[in-house]
């Protein structure tokens, strides 16, 4: 049996300002997912190339340069650089995992 919406939840769905903010957030989330998907399509090709060329799956020098570059971009965009680094490190770790898998195939 479905429960009745709480007064606060009901107010949130009827508030046009909040609804507008949420629609913008939903659109940004969708764009982020599509951009990450495209990024991973490209890094998959990089991993396959590295595997065929006997290159190592990780490039610590490039990773450090990317972290520094994105920290600067985050600061310019008024985004917490610590958050941006954590996010990028998570993405980099996942890419390296995929590159290692490509080498093992």
N, C-alpha and C. Protein backbone atom coordinates (compact mmCIF):
# COMPACT_ATOMS: atom_id res chain seq x y z
N UNK A 1 0.84 -1.16 0.00
CA UNK A 1 0.00 0.00 0.00
C UNK A 1 0.89 1.24 0.00
N UNK A 2 0.64 2.18 -0.92
CA UNK A 2 1.43 3.39 -1.03
C UNK A 2 1.07 4.33 0.11
N UNK A 3 2.07 4.95 0.65
CA UNK A 3 1.82 5.89 1.73
C UNK A 3 1.50 7.25 1.14
N UNK A 4 0.80 8.02 1.91
CA UNK A 4 0.46 9.38 1.49
C UNK A 4 1.71 10.25 1.57
N UNK A 5 1.88 11.18 0.62
CA UNK A 5 3.04 12.07 0.70
C UNK A 5 2.97 12.94 1.95
N UNK A 6 4.09 13.19 2.52
CA UNK A 6 4.15 14.06 3.70
C UNK A 6 3.87 15.49 3.25
N UNK A 7 3.41 16.34 4.15
CA UNK A 7 3.17 17.73 3.76
C UNK A 7 4.40 18.40 3.16
N UNK A 8 5.58 18.10 3.71
CA UNK A 8 6.79 18.71 3.18
C UNK A 8 7.06 18.23 1.76
N UNK A 9 6.91 16.92 1.50
CA UNK A 9 7.13 16.38 0.17
C UNK A 9 6.12 16.96 -0.80
N UNK A 10 4.89 17.09 -0.37
CA UNK A 10 3.85 17.64 -1.23
C UNK A 10 4.16 19.10 -1.57
N UNK A 11 4.59 19.88 -0.58
CA UNK A 11 4.95 21.27 -0.83
C UNK A 11 6.11 21.36 -1.81
N UNK A 12 7.07 20.47 -1.70
CA UNK A 12 8.24 20.51 -2.58
C UNK A 12 7.84 20.25 -4.02
N UNK A 13 6.89 19.35 -4.25
CA UNK A 13 6.48 19.05 -5.62
C UNK A 13 5.62 20.16 -6.19
N UNK A 14 4.99 20.94 -5.36
CA UNK A 14 4.15 22.03 -5.83
C UNK A 14 4.89 23.35 -5.91
N UNK A 15 6.07 23.44 -5.40
CA UNK A 15 6.85 24.67 -5.39
C UNK A 15 7.55 24.84 -6.74
N UNK A 16 7.14 25.80 -7.56
CA UNK A 16 7.73 25.93 -8.90
C UNK A 16 9.21 26.30 -8.88
N UNK A 17 9.64 27.06 -7.89
CA UNK A 17 11.05 27.42 -7.80
C UNK A 17 11.89 26.18 -7.52
N UNK A 18 11.47 25.39 -6.53
CA UNK A 18 12.18 24.16 -6.21
C UNK A 18 12.13 23.19 -7.38
N UNK A 19 10.99 23.09 -8.03
CA UNK A 19 10.86 22.20 -9.20
C UNK A 19 11.83 22.63 -10.30
N UNK A 20 11.99 23.93 -10.49
CA UNK A 20 12.93 24.43 -11.50
C UNK A 20 14.36 24.09 -11.16
N UNK A 21 14.72 24.27 -9.89
CA UNK A 21 16.07 23.89 -9.46
C UNK A 21 16.30 22.40 -9.69
N UNK A 22 15.33 21.59 -9.31
CA UNK A 22 15.48 20.13 -9.44
C UNK A 22 15.57 19.71 -10.90
N UNK A 23 14.83 20.38 -11.77
CA UNK A 23 14.91 20.05 -13.20
C UNK A 23 16.32 20.36 -13.71
N UNK A 24 16.87 21.50 -13.29
CA UNK A 24 18.24 21.84 -13.69
C UNK A 24 19.24 20.81 -13.18
N UNK A 25 19.08 20.40 -11.92
CA UNK A 25 19.96 19.39 -11.35
C UNK A 25 19.85 18.08 -12.13
N UNK A 26 18.63 17.68 -12.46
CA UNK A 26 18.42 16.45 -13.22
C UNK A 26 19.09 16.53 -14.60
N UNK A 27 18.98 17.68 -15.24
CA UNK A 27 19.62 17.86 -16.55
C UNK A 27 21.14 17.79 -16.44
N UNK A 28 21.69 18.41 -15.41
CA UNK A 28 23.14 18.36 -15.20
C UNK A 28 23.59 16.94 -14.90
N UNK A 29 22.84 16.23 -14.06
CA UNK A 29 23.19 14.83 -13.76
C UNK A 29 23.20 14.00 -15.03
N UNK A 30 22.21 14.20 -15.91
CA UNK A 30 22.16 13.44 -17.16
C UNK A 30 23.37 13.78 -18.03
N UNK A 31 23.72 15.06 -18.10
CA UNK A 31 24.89 15.47 -18.89
C UNK A 31 26.17 14.84 -18.32
N UNK A 32 26.29 14.83 -17.00
CA UNK A 32 27.47 14.22 -16.37
C UNK A 32 27.59 12.74 -16.75
N UNK A 33 26.48 12.02 -16.69
CA UNK A 33 26.50 10.59 -17.04
C UNK A 33 26.92 10.40 -18.49
N UNK A 34 26.38 11.20 -19.39
CA UNK A 34 26.74 11.07 -20.80
C UNK A 34 28.20 11.45 -21.03
N UNK A 35 28.68 12.45 -20.34
CA UNK A 35 30.08 12.84 -20.48
C UNK A 35 31.02 11.78 -19.91
N UNK A 36 30.65 11.20 -18.79
CA UNK A 36 31.47 10.12 -18.23
C UNK A 36 31.47 8.91 -19.15
N UNK A 37 30.32 8.60 -19.74
CA UNK A 37 30.25 7.48 -20.68
C UNK A 37 31.19 7.72 -21.86
N UNK A 38 31.17 8.92 -22.39
CA UNK A 38 32.06 9.25 -23.52
C UNK A 38 33.52 9.19 -23.08
N UNK A 39 33.82 9.70 -21.91
CA UNK A 39 35.19 9.65 -21.40
C UNK A 39 35.67 8.20 -21.30
N UNK A 40 34.82 7.33 -20.79
CA UNK A 40 35.21 5.94 -20.63
C UNK A 40 35.30 5.21 -21.96
N UNK A 41 34.52 5.62 -22.96
CA UNK A 41 34.68 5.04 -24.30
C UNK A 41 36.08 5.36 -24.84
N UNK A 42 36.50 6.59 -24.62
CA UNK A 42 37.82 7.01 -25.11
C UNK A 42 38.92 6.32 -24.30
N UNK A 43 38.79 6.27 -22.98
CA UNK A 43 39.84 5.63 -22.19
C UNK A 43 39.89 4.13 -22.44
N UNK A 44 38.77 3.54 -22.86
CA UNK A 44 38.80 2.12 -23.24
C UNK A 44 39.69 1.95 -24.47
N UNK A 45 39.55 2.84 -25.43
CA UNK A 45 40.40 2.78 -26.62
C UNK A 45 41.87 2.99 -26.25
N UNK A 46 42.12 3.89 -25.31
CA UNK A 46 43.50 4.11 -24.82
C UNK A 46 44.03 2.83 -24.19
N UNK A 47 43.22 2.18 -23.37
CA UNK A 47 43.64 0.94 -22.72
C UNK A 47 43.96 -0.15 -23.73
N UNK A 48 43.13 -0.26 -24.76
CA UNK A 48 43.39 -1.26 -25.80
C UNK A 48 44.69 -0.94 -26.55
N UNK A 49 44.89 0.34 -26.83
CA UNK A 49 46.12 0.76 -27.50
C UNK A 49 47.34 0.46 -26.63
N UNK A 50 47.25 0.80 -25.35
CA UNK A 50 48.36 0.53 -24.44
C UNK A 50 48.65 -0.96 -24.37
N UNK A 51 47.61 -1.78 -24.33
CA UNK A 51 47.81 -3.23 -24.26
C UNK A 51 48.52 -3.73 -25.51
N UNK A 52 48.08 -3.28 -26.69
CA UNK A 52 48.71 -3.70 -27.95
C UNK A 52 50.14 -3.19 -28.07
N UNK A 53 50.41 -2.04 -27.49
CA UNK A 53 51.72 -1.42 -27.60
C UNK A 53 52.64 -1.74 -26.43
N UNK A 54 52.17 -2.62 -25.54
CA UNK A 54 52.94 -3.02 -24.36
C UNK A 54 53.33 -1.82 -23.49
N UNK A 55 52.41 -0.86 -23.37
CA UNK A 55 52.62 0.29 -22.50
C UNK A 55 51.99 0.01 -21.15
N UNK A 56 52.53 0.59 -20.09
CA UNK A 56 51.95 0.34 -18.76
C UNK A 56 50.54 0.93 -18.65
N UNK A 57 49.69 0.30 -17.83
CA UNK A 57 48.31 0.78 -17.70
C UNK A 57 48.21 2.13 -16.99
N UNK A 58 49.18 2.47 -16.18
CA UNK A 58 49.15 3.73 -15.44
C UNK A 58 50.29 4.63 -15.92
N UNK A 59 50.04 5.93 -15.84
CA UNK A 59 51.06 6.92 -16.17
C UNK A 59 51.05 7.96 -15.05
N UNK A 60 51.79 7.69 -13.97
CA UNK A 60 51.74 8.56 -12.80
C UNK A 60 52.06 10.03 -13.10
N UNK A 61 52.95 10.30 -14.02
CA UNK A 61 53.28 11.68 -14.36
C UNK A 61 52.07 12.40 -14.96
N UNK A 62 51.41 11.76 -15.91
CA UNK A 62 50.21 12.36 -16.51
C UNK A 62 49.11 12.51 -15.46
N UNK A 63 48.95 11.51 -14.64
CA UNK A 63 47.91 11.58 -13.60
C UNK A 63 48.13 12.79 -12.70
N UNK A 64 49.38 13.01 -12.29
CA UNK A 64 49.68 14.15 -11.42
C UNK A 64 49.42 15.47 -12.13
N UNK A 65 49.81 15.54 -13.42
CA UNK A 65 49.55 16.77 -14.18
C UNK A 65 48.05 17.02 -14.31
N UNK A 66 47.28 15.96 -14.52
CA UNK A 66 45.83 16.11 -14.63
C UNK A 66 45.22 16.58 -13.31
N UNK A 67 45.68 16.01 -12.21
CA UNK A 67 45.17 16.41 -10.89
C UNK A 67 45.46 17.90 -10.67
N UNK A 68 46.69 18.31 -10.95
CA UNK A 68 47.05 19.72 -10.76
C UNK A 68 46.22 20.62 -11.66
N UNK A 69 46.04 20.22 -12.92
CA UNK A 69 45.26 21.02 -13.87
C UNK A 69 43.81 21.14 -13.41
N UNK A 70 43.23 20.03 -12.99
CA UNK A 70 41.82 20.07 -12.58
C UNK A 70 41.63 20.78 -11.24
N UNK A 71 42.62 20.73 -10.38
CA UNK A 71 42.53 21.52 -9.14
C UNK A 71 42.51 23.02 -9.47
N UNK A 72 43.35 23.43 -10.43
CA UNK A 72 43.34 24.84 -10.85
C UNK A 72 42.00 25.21 -11.46
N UNK A 73 41.48 24.35 -12.33
CA UNK A 73 40.17 24.62 -12.94
C UNK A 73 39.08 24.70 -11.88
N UNK A 74 39.15 23.82 -10.89
CA UNK A 74 38.15 23.83 -9.81
C UNK A 74 38.20 25.15 -9.06
N UNK A 75 39.40 25.59 -8.74
CA UNK A 75 39.54 26.86 -8.02
C UNK A 75 38.96 28.01 -8.84
N UNK A 76 39.26 28.02 -10.16
CA UNK A 76 38.72 29.06 -11.03
C UNK A 76 37.20 29.01 -11.11
N UNK A 77 36.64 27.81 -11.00
CA UNK A 77 35.19 27.63 -11.09
C UNK A 77 34.50 27.73 -9.73
N UNK A 78 35.27 28.05 -8.71
CA UNK A 78 34.73 28.15 -7.34
C UNK A 78 34.16 26.82 -6.87
N UNK A 79 34.89 25.74 -7.20
CA UNK A 79 34.55 24.39 -6.75
C UNK A 79 35.66 23.93 -5.82
N UNK A 80 35.31 23.22 -4.79
CA UNK A 80 36.30 22.74 -3.83
C UNK A 80 37.34 21.87 -4.54
N UNK A 81 38.61 22.30 -4.58
CA UNK A 81 39.63 21.51 -5.27
C UNK A 81 39.85 20.14 -4.64
N UNK A 82 39.62 20.01 -3.33
CA UNK A 82 39.74 18.70 -2.69
C UNK A 82 38.71 17.73 -3.26
N UNK A 83 37.49 18.22 -3.43
CA UNK A 83 36.44 17.39 -4.02
C UNK A 83 36.81 17.01 -5.45
N UNK A 84 37.27 17.98 -6.22
CA UNK A 84 37.60 17.69 -7.62
C UNK A 84 38.72 16.66 -7.71
N UNK A 85 39.69 16.74 -6.80
CA UNK A 85 40.78 15.76 -6.82
C UNK A 85 40.27 14.37 -6.44
N UNK A 86 39.43 14.29 -5.43
CA UNK A 86 38.87 12.99 -5.04
C UNK A 86 38.09 12.38 -6.19
N UNK A 87 37.30 13.21 -6.85
CA UNK A 87 36.50 12.72 -7.97
C UNK A 87 37.40 12.24 -9.10
N UNK A 88 38.41 13.04 -9.45
CA UNK A 88 39.32 12.65 -10.52
C UNK A 88 40.10 11.39 -10.16
N UNK A 89 40.55 11.30 -8.93
CA UNK A 89 41.29 10.09 -8.51
C UNK A 89 40.42 8.85 -8.62
N UNK A 90 39.15 8.98 -8.26
CA UNK A 90 38.22 7.86 -8.41
C UNK A 90 38.13 7.44 -9.88
N UNK A 91 37.98 8.42 -10.77
CA UNK A 91 37.88 8.14 -12.21
C UNK A 91 39.18 7.52 -12.71
N UNK A 92 40.31 8.09 -12.33
CA UNK A 92 41.61 7.56 -12.76
C UNK A 92 41.79 6.11 -12.29
N UNK A 93 41.45 5.84 -11.06
CA UNK A 93 41.59 4.46 -10.54
C UNK A 93 40.73 3.49 -11.35
N UNK A 94 39.55 3.92 -11.73
CA UNK A 94 38.67 3.05 -12.51
C UNK A 94 39.24 2.85 -13.92
N UNK A 95 39.79 3.89 -14.50
CA UNK A 95 40.41 3.78 -15.83
C UNK A 95 41.59 2.81 -15.77
N UNK A 96 42.42 2.95 -14.77
CA UNK A 96 43.58 2.05 -14.65
C UNK A 96 43.12 0.61 -14.48
N UNK A 97 42.06 0.39 -13.71
CA UNK A 97 41.51 -0.96 -13.56
C UNK A 97 41.10 -1.52 -14.92
N UNK A 98 40.46 -0.69 -15.73
CA UNK A 98 40.05 -1.14 -17.07
C UNK A 98 41.27 -1.41 -17.94
N UNK A 99 42.29 -0.57 -17.83
CA UNK A 99 43.50 -0.77 -18.62
C UNK A 99 44.20 -2.08 -18.24
N UNK A 100 44.20 -2.38 -16.96
CA UNK A 100 44.80 -3.65 -16.51
C UNK A 100 44.00 -4.84 -17.06
N UNK A 101 42.70 -4.71 -17.08
CA UNK A 101 41.86 -5.78 -17.64
C UNK A 101 42.16 -5.97 -19.13
N UNK A 102 42.35 -4.86 -19.85
CA UNK A 102 42.68 -4.95 -21.28
C UNK A 102 43.99 -5.67 -21.49
N UNK A 103 44.96 -5.42 -20.62
CA UNK A 103 46.26 -6.07 -20.74
C UNK A 103 46.18 -7.57 -20.45
N UNK A 104 45.24 -7.96 -19.61
CA UNK A 104 45.11 -9.36 -19.24
C UNK A 104 44.28 -10.17 -20.23
N UNK A 105 43.73 -9.49 -21.22
CA UNK A 105 42.92 -10.21 -22.22
C UNK A 105 43.73 -10.65 -23.39
